[in-house]
C-alpha atoms as a PDB file:
ATOM      1  CA  MET A   1       5.869 -26.619  11.854  1.00  0.00           C
ATOM      2  CA  LYS A   2       9.237 -27.757  10.653  1.00  0.00           C
ATOM      3  CA  TYR A   3       8.572 -26.094   7.301  1.00  0.00           C
ATOM      4  CA  SER A   4       7.664 -22.731   8.731  1.00  0.00           C
ATOM      5  CA  HIS A   5      11.082 -21.367   7.865  1.00  0.00           C
ATOM      6  CA  THR A   6      10.101 -21.367   4.243  1.00  0.00           C
ATOM      7  CA  LEU A   7       8.027 -18.203   5.050  1.00  0.00           C
ATOM      8  CA  LEU A   8      11.127 -16.284   6.132  1.00  0.00           C
ATOM      9  CA  PHE A   9      11.835 -14.820   2.791  1.00  0.00           C
ATOM     10  CA  PRO A  10       8.495 -13.203   2.021  1.00  0.00           C
ATOM     11  CA  VAL A  11       8.213 -12.002   5.591  1.00  0.00           C
ATOM     12  CA  PHE A  12      11.786 -10.518   5.431  1.00  0.00           C
ATOM     13  CA  ALA A  13      10.748  -8.866   2.227  1.00  0.00           C
ATOM     14  CA  PHE A  14       7.715  -7.541   4.035  1.00  0.00           C
ATOM     15  CA  LEU A  15      10.090  -5.690   6.362  1.00  0.00           C
ATOM     16  CA  ILE A  16      11.836  -4.086   3.351  1.00  0.00           C
ATOM     17  CA  PHE A  17       9.245  -1.326   3.509  1.00  0.00           C
ATOM     18  CA  HIS A  18       9.005  -1.063   7.297  1.00  0.00           C
ATOM     19  CA  SER A  19      11.642   1.618   7.867  1.00  0.00           C
ATOM     20  CA  SER A  20      10.061   4.121   5.440  1.00  0.00           C
ATOM     21  CA  TYR A  21       6.683   3.293   6.745  1.00  0.00           C
ATOM     22  CA  SER A  22       7.621   4.095  10.379  1.00  0.00           C
ATOM     23  CA  GLN A  23       9.763   7.279   9.782  1.00  0.00           C
ATOM     24  CA  ASN A  24       8.569  10.564  11.297  1.00  0.00           C
ATOM     25  CA  LEU A  25       8.854  12.960   8.292  1.00  0.00           C
ATOM     26  CA  THR A  26       9.469  16.714   8.568  1.00  0.00           C
ATOM     27  CA  LYS A  27       8.697  19.254   5.892  1.00  0.00           C
ATOM     28  CA  LYS A  28      11.138  21.826   4.626  1.00  0.00           C
ATOM     29  CA  ALA A  29      10.776  25.496   4.705  1.00  0.00           C
ATOM     30  CA  THR A  30       7.689  27.040   2.982  1.00  0.00           C
ATOM     31  CA  SER A  31       9.797  28.968   0.587  1.00  0.00           C
ATOM     32  CA  ASP A  32      11.167  25.656  -0.813  1.00  0.00           C
ATOM     33  CA  SER A  33       7.661  24.354  -1.151  1.00  0.00           C
ATOM     34  CA  ILE A  34       6.522  27.315  -3.071  1.00  0.00           C
ATOM     35  CA  SER A  35       9.626  27.037  -5.215  1.00  0.00           C
ATOM     36  CA  ALA A  36       8.776  23.425  -6.044  1.00  0.00           C
ATOM     37  CA  GLN A  37       5.176  24.359  -7.012  1.00  0.00           C
ATOM     38  CA  GLU A  38       6.447  27.153  -9.300  1.00  0.00           C
ATOM     39  CA  THR A  39       8.877  24.780 -10.972  1.00  0.00           C
ATOM     40  CA  GLN A  40       6.169  22.399 -12.008  1.00  0.00           C
ATOM     41  CA  LYS A  41       3.671  24.989 -13.118  1.00  0.00           C
ATOM     42  CA  GLY A  42       5.716  25.678 -16.331  1.00  0.00           C
ATOM     43  CA  MET A  43       6.123  21.965 -17.257  1.00  0.00           C
ATOM     44  CA  THR A  44       4.842  20.629 -20.556  1.00  0.00           C
ATOM     45  CA  THR A  45       2.969  17.333 -20.600  1.00  0.00           C
ATOM     46  CA  TRP A  46       6.074  15.468 -21.665  1.00  0.00           C
ATOM     47  CA  GLN A  47       8.226  17.099 -18.954  1.00  0.00           C
ATOM     48  CA  MET A  48       5.537  16.037 -16.397  1.00  0.00           C
ATOM     49  CA  ILE A  49       5.661  12.443 -17.692  1.00  0.00           C
ATOM     50  CA  LYS A  50       9.447  12.346 -17.310  1.00  0.00           C
ATOM     51  CA  TYR A  51       9.281  13.943 -13.944  1.00  0.00           C
ATOM     52  CA  ASP A  52       6.656  11.420 -12.746  1.00  0.00           C
ATOM     53  CA  GLY A  53       8.512   8.499 -14.200  1.00  0.00           C
ATOM     54  CA  ALA A  54      11.547   9.515 -12.186  1.00  0.00           C
ATOM     55  CA  SER A  55       9.369   9.649  -9.158  1.00  0.00           C
ATOM     56  CA  VAL A  56       8.091   6.135  -9.719  1.00  0.00           C
ATOM     57  CA  TYR A  57      11.675   4.868 -10.222  1.00  0.00           C
ATOM     58  CA  GLY A  58      12.978   6.649  -7.125  1.00  0.00           C
ATOM     59  CA  SER A  59       9.973   5.402  -5.017  1.00  0.00           C
ATOM     60  CA  VAL A  60      10.466   1.757  -6.048  1.00  0.00           C
ATOM     61  CA  LYS A  61      14.289   2.014  -5.553  1.00  0.00           C
ATOM     62  CA  ASN A  62      13.840   3.526  -2.169  1.00  0.00           C
ATOM     63  CA  ALA A  63      11.387   0.708  -1.147  1.00  0.00           C
ATOM     64  CA  TYR A  64      13.839  -2.040  -1.982  1.00  0.00           C
ATOM     65  CA  THR A  65      16.951  -0.383  -0.498  1.00  0.00           C
ATOM     66  CA  GLN A  66      15.373   0.158   2.876  1.00  0.00           C
ATOM     67  CA  PRO A  67      17.051  -2.923   4.550  1.00  0.00           C
ATOM     68  CA  PHE A  68      20.417  -1.266   4.160  1.00  0.00           C
ATOM     69  CA  ARG A  69      19.229   1.419   6.510  1.00  0.00           C
ATOM     70  CA  TRP A  70      17.542  -0.790   9.101  1.00  0.00           C
ATOM     71  CA  LYS A  71      18.306  -0.051  12.765  1.00  0.00           C
ATOM     72  CA  GLU A  72      17.771  -2.211  15.895  1.00  0.00           C
ATOM     73  CA  LYS A  73      14.093  -1.298  16.142  1.00  0.00           C
ATOM     74  CA  ASP A  74      13.554  -2.506  12.682  1.00  0.00           C
ATOM     75  CA  TRP A  75      15.106  -5.891  13.456  1.00  0.00           C
ATOM     76  CA  ALA A  76      13.023  -6.033  16.570  1.00  0.00           C
ATOM     77  CA  THR A  77       9.867  -5.464  14.403  1.00  0.00           C
ATOM     78  CA  PHE A  78      11.018  -8.201  12.081  1.00  0.00           C
ATOM     79  CA  GLY A  79      11.109 -10.606  15.019  1.00  0.00           C
ATOM     80  CA  GLY A  80       7.575  -9.564  16.024  1.00  0.00           C
ATOM     81  CA  ILE A  81       6.266 -10.118  12.633  1.00  0.00           C
ATOM     82  CA  MET A  82       7.841 -13.597  12.447  1.00  0.00           C
ATOM     83  CA  GLY A  83       6.122 -14.487  15.726  1.00  0.00           C
ATOM     84  CA  GLY A  84       2.811 -13.236  14.326  1.00  0.00           C
ATOM     85  CA  THR A  85       3.236 -15.193  11.119  1.00  0.00           C
ATOM     86  CA  LEU A  86       3.850 -18.431  13.053  1.00  0.00           C
ATOM     87  CA  THR A  87       0.683 -17.774  15.119  1.00  0.00           C
ATOM     88  CA  LEU A  88      -1.403 -17.219  11.916  1.00  0.00           C
ATOM     89  CA  LEU A  89      -0.066 -20.490  10.453  1.00  0.00           C
ATOM     90  CA  ALA A  90      -1.950 -22.441  13.209  1.00  0.00           C
ATOM     91  CA  LEU A  91      -5.197 -20.762  12.032  1.00  0.00           C
ATOM     92  CA  ASP A  92      -4.877 -21.417   8.329  1.00  0.00           C
ATOM     93  CA  GLU A  93      -6.650 -24.651   7.910  1.00  0.00           C
ATOM     94  CA  PRO A  94      -9.561 -23.925  10.179  1.00  0.00           C
ATOM     95  CA  ALA A  95     -10.018 -20.508   8.612  1.00  0.00           C
ATOM     96  CA  ASN A  96      -9.977 -22.122   5.212  1.00  0.00           C
ATOM     97  CA  ASP A  97     -12.813 -24.483   6.183  1.00  0.00           C
ATOM     98  CA  TYR A  98     -14.766 -21.520   7.516  1.00  0.00           C
ATOM     99  CA  PHE A  99     -14.499 -19.242   4.500  1.00  0.00           C
ATOM    100  CA  LEU A 100     -15.229 -22.102   2.022  1.00  0.00           C
ATOM    101  CA  ASP A 101     -18.556 -22.628   3.818  1.00  0.00           C
ATOM    102  CA  GLN A 102     -19.356 -18.875   3.682  1.00  0.00           C
ATOM    103  CA  GLY A 103     -18.414 -18.679   0.147  1.00  0.00           C
ATOM    104  CA  GLU A 104     -21.312 -20.892  -0.979  1.00  0.00           C
ATOM    105  CA  ASP A 105     -23.757 -18.102   0.034  1.00  0.00           C
ATOM    106  CA  ILE A 106     -21.999 -15.197  -1.625  1.00  0.00           C
ATOM    107  CA  PRO A 107     -23.799 -13.892  -4.739  1.00  0.00           C
ATOM    108  CA  SER A 108     -21.990 -14.725  -7.934  1.00  0.00           C
ATOM    109  CA  GLY A 109     -22.019 -10.953  -8.905  1.00  0.00           C
ATOM    110  CA  VAL A 110     -20.066  -9.987  -5.827  1.00  0.00           C
ATOM    111  CA  ARG A 111     -17.560 -12.844  -6.202  1.00  0.00           C
ATOM    112  CA  GLU A 112     -17.025 -11.748  -9.882  1.00  0.00           C
ATOM    113  CA  VAL A 113     -16.445  -8.088  -8.974  1.00  0.00           C
ATOM    114  CA  ALA A 114     -14.078  -9.043  -6.155  1.00  0.00           C
ATOM    115  CA  PHE A 115     -12.078 -11.325  -8.400  1.00  0.00           C
ATOM    116  CA  ARG A 116     -11.797  -8.869 -11.264  1.00  0.00           C
ATOM    117  CA  PHE A 117     -10.827  -5.936  -9.010  1.00  0.00           C
ATOM    118  CA  GLY A 118      -7.626  -7.896  -8.050  1.00  0.00           C
ATOM    119  CA  LYS A 119      -6.628  -8.784 -11.645  1.00  0.00           C
ATOM    120  CA  PRO A 120      -3.609  -6.842 -13.013  1.00  0.00           C
ATOM    121  CA  LEU A 121      -5.410  -5.729 -16.177  1.00  0.00           C
ATOM    122  CA  VAL A 122      -8.318  -4.145 -14.287  1.00  0.00           C
ATOM    123  CA  ASN A 123      -6.143  -2.716 -11.502  1.00  0.00           C
ATOM    124  CA  TYR A 124      -3.541  -1.179 -13.718  1.00  0.00           C
ATOM    125  CA  GLY A 125      -6.298   0.192 -15.974  1.00  0.00           C
ATOM    126  CA  LEU A 126      -7.709   2.071 -12.897  1.00  0.00           C
ATOM    127  CA  THR A 127      -4.295   3.044 -11.736  1.00  0.00           C
ATOM    128  CA  THR A 128      -3.373   4.445 -15.190  1.00  0.00           C
ATOM    129  CA  SER A 129      -6.656   6.236 -15.527  1.00  0.00           C
ATOM    130  CA  VAL A 130      -6.074   8.140 -12.172  1.00  0.00           C
ATOM    131  CA  TYR A 131      -2.676   9.204 -13.356  1.00  0.00           C
ATOM    132  CA  ALA A 132      -3.967  10.212 -16.809  1.00  0.00           C
ATOM    133  CA  LEU A 133      -6.642  12.360 -15.273  1.00  0.00           C
ATOM    134  CA  GLY A 134      -4.006  14.203 -13.230  1.00  0.00           C
ATOM    135  CA  LEU A 135      -1.863  14.662 -16.297  1.00  0.00           C
ATOM    136  CA  ILE A 136      -4.636  16.029 -18.430  1.00  0.00           C
ATOM    137  CA  THR A 137      -6.009  18.422 -15.761  1.00  0.00           C
ATOM    138  CA  LYS A 138      -2.433  19.272 -14.630  1.00  0.00           C
ATOM    139  CA  ASN A 139      -3.639  18.563 -11.027  1.00  0.00           C
ATOM    140  CA  GLN A 140      -0.524  18.044  -8.948  1.00  0.00           C
ATOM    141  CA  LYS A 141      -2.455  16.174  -6.225  1.00  0.00           C
ATOM    142  CA  ILE A 142      -4.118  13.684  -8.628  1.00  0.00           C
ATOM    143  CA  ARG A 143      -0.795  13.188 -10.410  1.00  0.00           C
ATOM    144  CA  LYS A 144       0.868  12.389  -7.135  1.00  0.00           C
ATOM    145  CA  THR A 145      -1.862   9.915  -6.340  1.00  0.00           C
ATOM    146  CA  GLY A 146      -1.375   8.304  -9.798  1.00  0.00           C
ATOM    147  CA  VAL A 147       2.367   8.060  -9.142  1.00  0.00           C
ATOM    148  CA  LEU A 148       1.758   6.615  -5.664  1.00  0.00           C
ATOM    149  CA  LEU A 149      -0.585   3.943  -7.202  1.00  0.00           C
ATOM    150  CA  ILE A 150       1.885   3.007 -10.090  1.00  0.00           C
ATOM    151  CA  ALA A 151       4.940   2.857  -7.780  1.00  0.00           C
ATOM    152  CA  SER A 152       3.130   0.903  -5.064  1.00  0.00           C
ATOM    153  CA  ALA A 153       1.678  -1.591  -7.552  1.00  0.00           C
ATOM    154  CA  THR A 154       5.065  -2.009  -9.213  1.00  0.00           C
ATOM    155  CA  ALA A 155       6.942  -2.602  -5.970  1.00  0.00           C
ATOM    156  CA  GLY A 156       4.295  -4.932  -4.494  1.00  0.00           C
ATOM    157  CA  GLY A 157       3.667  -6.693  -7.849  1.00  0.00           C
ATOM    158  CA  LEU A 158       7.383  -7.552  -8.385  1.00  0.00           C
ATOM    159  CA  LEU A 159       7.796  -8.767  -4.884  1.00  0.00           C
ATOM    160  CA  GLN A 160       4.752 -10.958  -4.834  1.00  0.00           C
ATOM    161  CA  THR A 161       5.551 -12.528  -8.284  1.00  0.00           C
ATOM    162  CA  PHE A 162       9.141 -13.421  -7.176  1.00  0.00           C
ATOM    163  CA  SER A 163       8.030 -14.616  -3.658  1.00  0.00           C
ATOM    164  CA  LYS A 164       5.311 -16.893  -5.184  1.00  0.00           C
ATOM    165  CA  THR A 165       7.826 -18.716  -7.386  1.00  0.00           C
ATOM    166  CA  LEU A 166      10.601 -18.907  -4.799  1.00  0.00           C
ATOM    167  CA  VAL A 167       8.470 -20.183  -1.970  1.00  0.00           C
ATOM    168  CA  GLY A 168       6.217 -22.481  -3.993  1.00  0.00           C
ATOM    169  CA  ARG A 169       3.524 -22.814  -1.353  1.00  0.00           C
ATOM    170  CA  ALA A 170       0.666 -25.145  -2.155  1.00  0.00           C
ATOM    171  CA  ARG A 171      -2.755 -23.543  -2.419  1.00  0.00           C
ATOM    172  CA  PRO A 172      -5.638 -24.914  -0.317  1.00  0.00           C
ATOM    173  CA  LEU A 173      -7.265 -26.443  -3.395  1.00  0.00           C
ATOM    174  CA  THR A 174      -4.364 -28.943  -3.780  1.00  0.00           C
ATOM    175  CA  ASP A 175      -5.380 -30.565  -0.552  1.00  0.00           C
ATOM    176  CA  GLU A 176      -1.709 -30.867   0.518  1.00  0.00           C
ATOM    177  CA  GLY A 177      -2.075 -28.725   3.588  1.00  0.00           C
ATOM    178  CA  ASN A 178      -0.696 -25.310   4.504  1.00  0.00           C
ATOM    179  CA  LEU A 179       2.853 -26.471   5.071  1.00  0.00           C
ATOM    180  CA  SER A 180       3.470 -28.066   1.640  1.00  0.00           C
ATOM    181  CA  PHE A 181       6.086 -26.335  -0.662  1.00  0.00           C
ATOM    182  CA  ARG A 182       7.720 -26.855  -4.003  1.00  0.00           C
ATOM    183  CA  PHE A 183      10.553 -24.333  -4.106  1.00  0.00           C
ATOM    184  CA  TRP A 184      10.971 -22.351  -7.322  1.00  0.00           C
ATOM    185  CA  SER A 185       7.897 -23.965  -8.884  1.00  0.00           C
ATOM    186  CA  SER A 186       6.270 -22.752 -12.101  1.00  0.00           C
ATOM    187  CA  GLU A 187       2.923 -24.457 -11.294  1.00  0.00           C
ATOM    188  CA  ALA A 188       0.070 -22.255 -10.499  1.00  0.00           C
ATOM    189  CA  GLY A 189      -1.108 -24.632  -7.763  1.00  0.00           C
ATOM    190  CA  TYR A 190       2.028 -23.779  -5.844  1.00  0.00           C
ATOM    191  CA  HIS A 191       1.941 -19.949  -6.101  1.00  0.00           C
ATOM    192  CA  SER A 192      -0.059 -19.290  -2.980  1.00  0.00           C
ATOM    193  CA  PHE A 193       2.166 -17.129  -0.841  1.00  0.00           C
ATOM    194  CA  PRO A 194       1.494 -14.184  -0.796  1.00  0.00           C
ATOM    195  CA  SER A 195      -1.876 -13.344  -2.459  1.00  0.00           C
ATOM    196  CA  GLY A 196      -1.342 -11.237  -5.566  1.00  0.00           C
ATOM    197  CA  HIS A 197      -5.049 -10.272  -5.634  1.00  0.00           C
ATOM    198  CA  ALA A 198      -4.900  -9.017  -2.013  1.00  0.00           C
ATOM    199  CA  ILE A 199      -1.768  -6.963  -2.720  1.00  0.00           C
ATOM    200  CA  LEU A 200      -3.075  -5.319  -5.957  1.00  0.00           C
ATOM    201  CA  SER A 201      -6.570  -4.577  -4.738  1.00  0.00           C
ATOM    202  CA  PHE A 202      -5.807  -3.332  -1.338  1.00  0.00           C
ATOM    203  CA  THR A 203      -2.766  -1.302  -2.533  1.00  0.00           C
ATOM    204  CA  THR A 204      -5.108   0.568  -4.836  1.00  0.00           C
ATOM    205  CA  ALA A 205      -7.836   1.030  -2.268  1.00  0.00           C
ATOM    206  CA  TYR A 206      -5.419   2.103   0.460  1.00  0.00           C
ATOM    207  CA  ALA A 207      -3.608   4.654  -1.702  1.00  0.00           C
ATOM    208  CA  ILE A 208      -6.891   6.180  -2.852  1.00  0.00           C
ATOM    209  CA  GLY A 209      -8.354   6.164   0.584  1.00  0.00           C
ATOM    210  CA  LYS A 210      -5.351   8.078   1.990  1.00  0.00           C
ATOM    211  CA  GLN A 211      -6.474  11.064  -0.143  1.00  0.00           C
ATOM    212  CA  PHE A 212      -9.621  11.576   1.863  1.00  0.00           C
ATOM    213  CA  LYS A 213     -10.097  12.823   5.388  1.00  0.00           C
ATOM    214  CA  ASN A 214     -13.764  11.646   5.768  1.00  0.00           C
ATOM    215  CA  LEU A 215     -13.729   8.469   7.683  1.00  0.00           C
ATOM    216  CA  TRP A 216     -16.881   7.144   6.055  1.00  0.00           C
ATOM    217  CA  ILE A 217     -15.368   7.636   2.629  1.00  0.00           C
ATOM    218  CA  LYS A 218     -12.126   5.933   3.762  1.00  0.00           C
ATOM    219  CA  GLY A 219     -14.009   3.082   5.241  1.00  0.00           C
ATOM    220  CA  GLY A 220     -16.025   2.481   2.109  1.00  0.00           C
ATOM    221  CA  ILE A 221     -12.955   2.553  -0.131  1.00  0.00           C
ATOM    222  CA  TYR A 222     -11.111   0.183   2.212  1.00  0.00           C
ATOM    223  CA  THR A 223     -14.111  -2.143   2.351  1.00  0.00           C
ATOM    224  CA  LEU A 224     -14.184  -2.311  -1.399  1.00  0.00           C
ATOM    225  CA  GLY A 225     -10.397  -3.012  -1.406  1.00  0.00           C
ATOM    226  CA  MET A 226     -10.921  -5.974   0.943  1.00  0.00           C
ATOM    227  CA  LEU A 227     -13.517  -7.707  -1.219  1.00  0.00           C
ATOM    228  CA  SER A 228     -10.788  -9.193  -3.428  1.00  0.00           C
ATOM    229  CA  PRO A 229      -8.649 -10.499  -0.578  1.00  0.00           C
ATOM    230  CA  VAL A 230     -11.649 -12.125   1.090  1.00  0.00           C
ATOM    231  CA  SER A 231     -12.854 -13.584  -2.161  1.00  0.00           C
ATOM    232  CA  ARG A 232      -9.571 -15.553  -2.405  1.00  0.00           C
ATOM    233  CA  LEU A 233     -10.531 -17.236   0.904  1.00  0.00           C
ATOM    234  CA  TRP A 234     -14.034 -17.905  -0.273  1.00  0.00           C
ATOM    235  CA  SER A 235     -12.745 -19.712  -3.368  1.00  0.00           C
ATOM    236  CA  GLY A 236     -10.124 -21.678  -1.517  1.00  0.00           C
ATOM    237  CA  ALA A 237      -7.344 -20.067  -3.663  1.00  0.00           C
ATOM    238  CA  HIS A 238      -5.229 -18.858  -0.693  1.00  0.00           C
ATOM    239  CA  TRP A 239      -4.587 -19.461   2.974  1.00  0.00           C
ATOM    240  CA  LEU A 240      -5.387 -16.882   5.645  1.00  0.00           C
ATOM    241  CA  THR A 241      -1.664 -15.999   6.040  1.00  0.00           C
ATOM    242  CA  ASP A 242      -1.363 -15.349   2.280  1.00  0.00           C
ATOM    243  CA  VAL A 243      -4.041 -12.818   2.421  1.00  0.00           C
ATOM    244  CA  VAL A 244      -3.375 -11.173   5.824  1.00  0.00           C
ATOM    245  CA  LEU A 245       0.328 -10.568   5.064  1.00  0.00           C
ATOM    246  CA  GLY A 246      -0.573  -9.448   1.519  1.00  0.00           C
ATOM    247  CA  VAL A 247      -2.839  -6.727   2.976  1.00  0.00           C
ATOM    248  CA  ALA A 248      -0.313  -5.783   5.566  1.00  0.00           C
ATOM    249  CA  LEU A 249       2.360  -5.631   2.822  1.00  0.00           C
ATOM    250  CA  SER A 250       0.066  -3.230   0.770  1.00  0.00           C
ATOM    251  CA  VAL A 251      -0.183  -0.912   3.793  1.00  0.00           C
ATOM    252  CA  VAL A 252       3.598  -0.635   4.436  1.00  0.00           C
ATOM    253  CA  ILE A 253       4.391  -0.271   0.634  1.00  0.00           C
ATOM    254  CA  VAL A 254       1.871   2.587   0.152  1.00  0.00           C
ATOM    255  CA  ASP A 255       2.890   4.403   3.329  1.00  0.00           C
ATOM    256  CA  GLY A 256       6.539   4.014   2.669  1.00  0.00           C
ATOM    257  CA  ILE A 257       6.320   5.330  -0.847  1.00  0.00           C
ATOM    258  CA  ASP A 258       3.994   8.110   0.251  1.00  0.00           C
ATOM    259  CA  ASN A 259       6.446   9.133   2.918  1.00  0.00           C
ATOM    260  CA  TYR A 260       9.310   9.025   0.382  1.00  0.00           C
ATOM    261  CA  LEU A 261       7.415  11.319  -1.953  1.00  0.00           C
ATOM    262  CA  THR A 262       6.634  13.768   0.876  1.00  0.00           C
ATOM    263  CA  LYS A 263      10.156  13.805   2.230  1.00  0.00           C
ATOM    264  CA  LYS A 264      11.596  14.544  -1.211  1.00  0.00           C
ATOM    265  CA  GLU A 265       8.846  17.056  -1.867  1.00  0.00           C
ATOM    266  CA  ARG A 266       8.313  15.778  -5.283  1.00  0.00           C
ATOM    267  CA  TYR A 267       4.789  17.067  -5.134  1.00  0.00           C
ATOM    268  CA  VAL A 268       3.668  20.005  -3.034  1.00  0.00           C
ATOM    269  CA  HIS A 269       0.066  20.725  -3.333  1.00  0.00           C
ATOM    270  CA  TYR A 270      -0.937  21.832   0.108  1.00  0.00           C
ATOM    271  CA  GLU A 271      -1.923  25.338   0.796  1.00  0.00           C
ATOM    272  CA  LYS A 272      -0.295  27.667   3.331  1.00  0.00           C
ATOM    273  CA  LYS A 273      -2.361  27.824   6.434  1.00  0.00           C
ATOM    274  CA  ASN A 274      -3.671  31.189   7.635  1.00  0.00           C
ATOM    275  CA  LYS A 275      -2.034  32.261  10.680  1.00  0.00           C
ATOM    276  CA  ILE A 276      -3.737  34.235  13.518  1.00  0.00           C
ATOM    277  CA  ARG A 277      -1.949  37.033  15.182  1.00  0.00           C
ATOM    278  CA  TRP A 278      -3.043  37.718  18.723  1.00  0.00           C
ATOM    279  CA  ASN A 279      -2.890  41.200  20.228  1.00  0.00           C
ATOM    280  CA  LEU A 280      -3.649  42.430  23.724  1.00  0.00           C
ATOM    281  CA  ASN A 281      -6.241  45.298  23.518  1.00  0.00           C
ATOM    282  CA  LEU A 282      -6.254  47.744  26.440  1.00  0.00           C
ATOM    283  CA  GLY A 283      -8.482  50.774  26.776  1.00  0.00           C
ATOM    284  CA  ALA A 284     -10.716  52.736  29.008  1.00  0.00           C
ATOM    285  CA  GLY A 285     -12.921  50.211  30.773  1.00  0.00           C
ATOM    286  CA  ARG A 286     -11.916  47.299  28.524  1.00  0.00           C
ATOM    287  CA  LEU A 287      -9.370  44.605  28.373  1.00  0.00           C
ATOM    288  CA  GLY A 288      -9.323  41.846  25.750  1.00  0.00           C
ATOM    289  CA  VAL A 289      -7.496  39.815  23.260  1.00  0.00           C
ATOM    290  CA  ILE A 290      -8.133  40.270  19.442  1.00  0.00           C
ATOM    291  CA  GLY A 291      -7.196  37.676  16.776  1.00  0.00           C
ATOM    292  CA  THR A 292      -6.330  39.075  13.376  1.00  0.00           C
ATOM    293  CA  PHE A 293      -6.575  36.680  10.356  1.00  0.00           C
END
């Protein structure tokens, strides 16, 4: 375990997003929300693109500047994640043997779909399509989902690309073990940590799933998003820690950016809830409460 400190950087980066993920956000006054809606109603397509571009930039910037706003509880969480990471390291090699055995029975079609869903070209194509749909229909909720997808994929993608090169962790297929590292390596065989497929695929699935309240729909989307991460274990391309922390990273990135967009009220598409006024009704031989909608 003497090389386990090499995982400090990516795990530290993982915590970059924790503060925004754990914040309890509050909404501004309803009048401000209505004003934000009215402002965007008159936008041209080009104005919306510039507005959304600024939202993406602000979201990514916010994600990477979170460590400067960490508090004691955030550092305590960092310590907890480090402990969890070290525990998972002990399971890497037996988990690799198990998933390799299981992978032999997985249909080739499923493996292919899982692999493609985590590829940047396919993933960004889906992400861009969602945003384009919101732009064409001028649907603010779909536009926000597109912005959330683009910003999350950008933040996670840059982080995992840099981390892979810096850490230089050997993939299982190199047969060097889960604690073999070549720092700042350009060789693909030493780009194991974290899993890019896991981050891209589950970031997309989690961001889209958040838009639905139905648990069955959410579950279905999340299951689809997990196919690519698990497929990396079937093929021996990644260790269990690469995938698990990749998925966890996706969750905190998406939640952190979603919270940022909500806090800044960049997109306000919710409807004002109907309020019920309760009145006491008194009369001859009657006593009751009447709710007026």
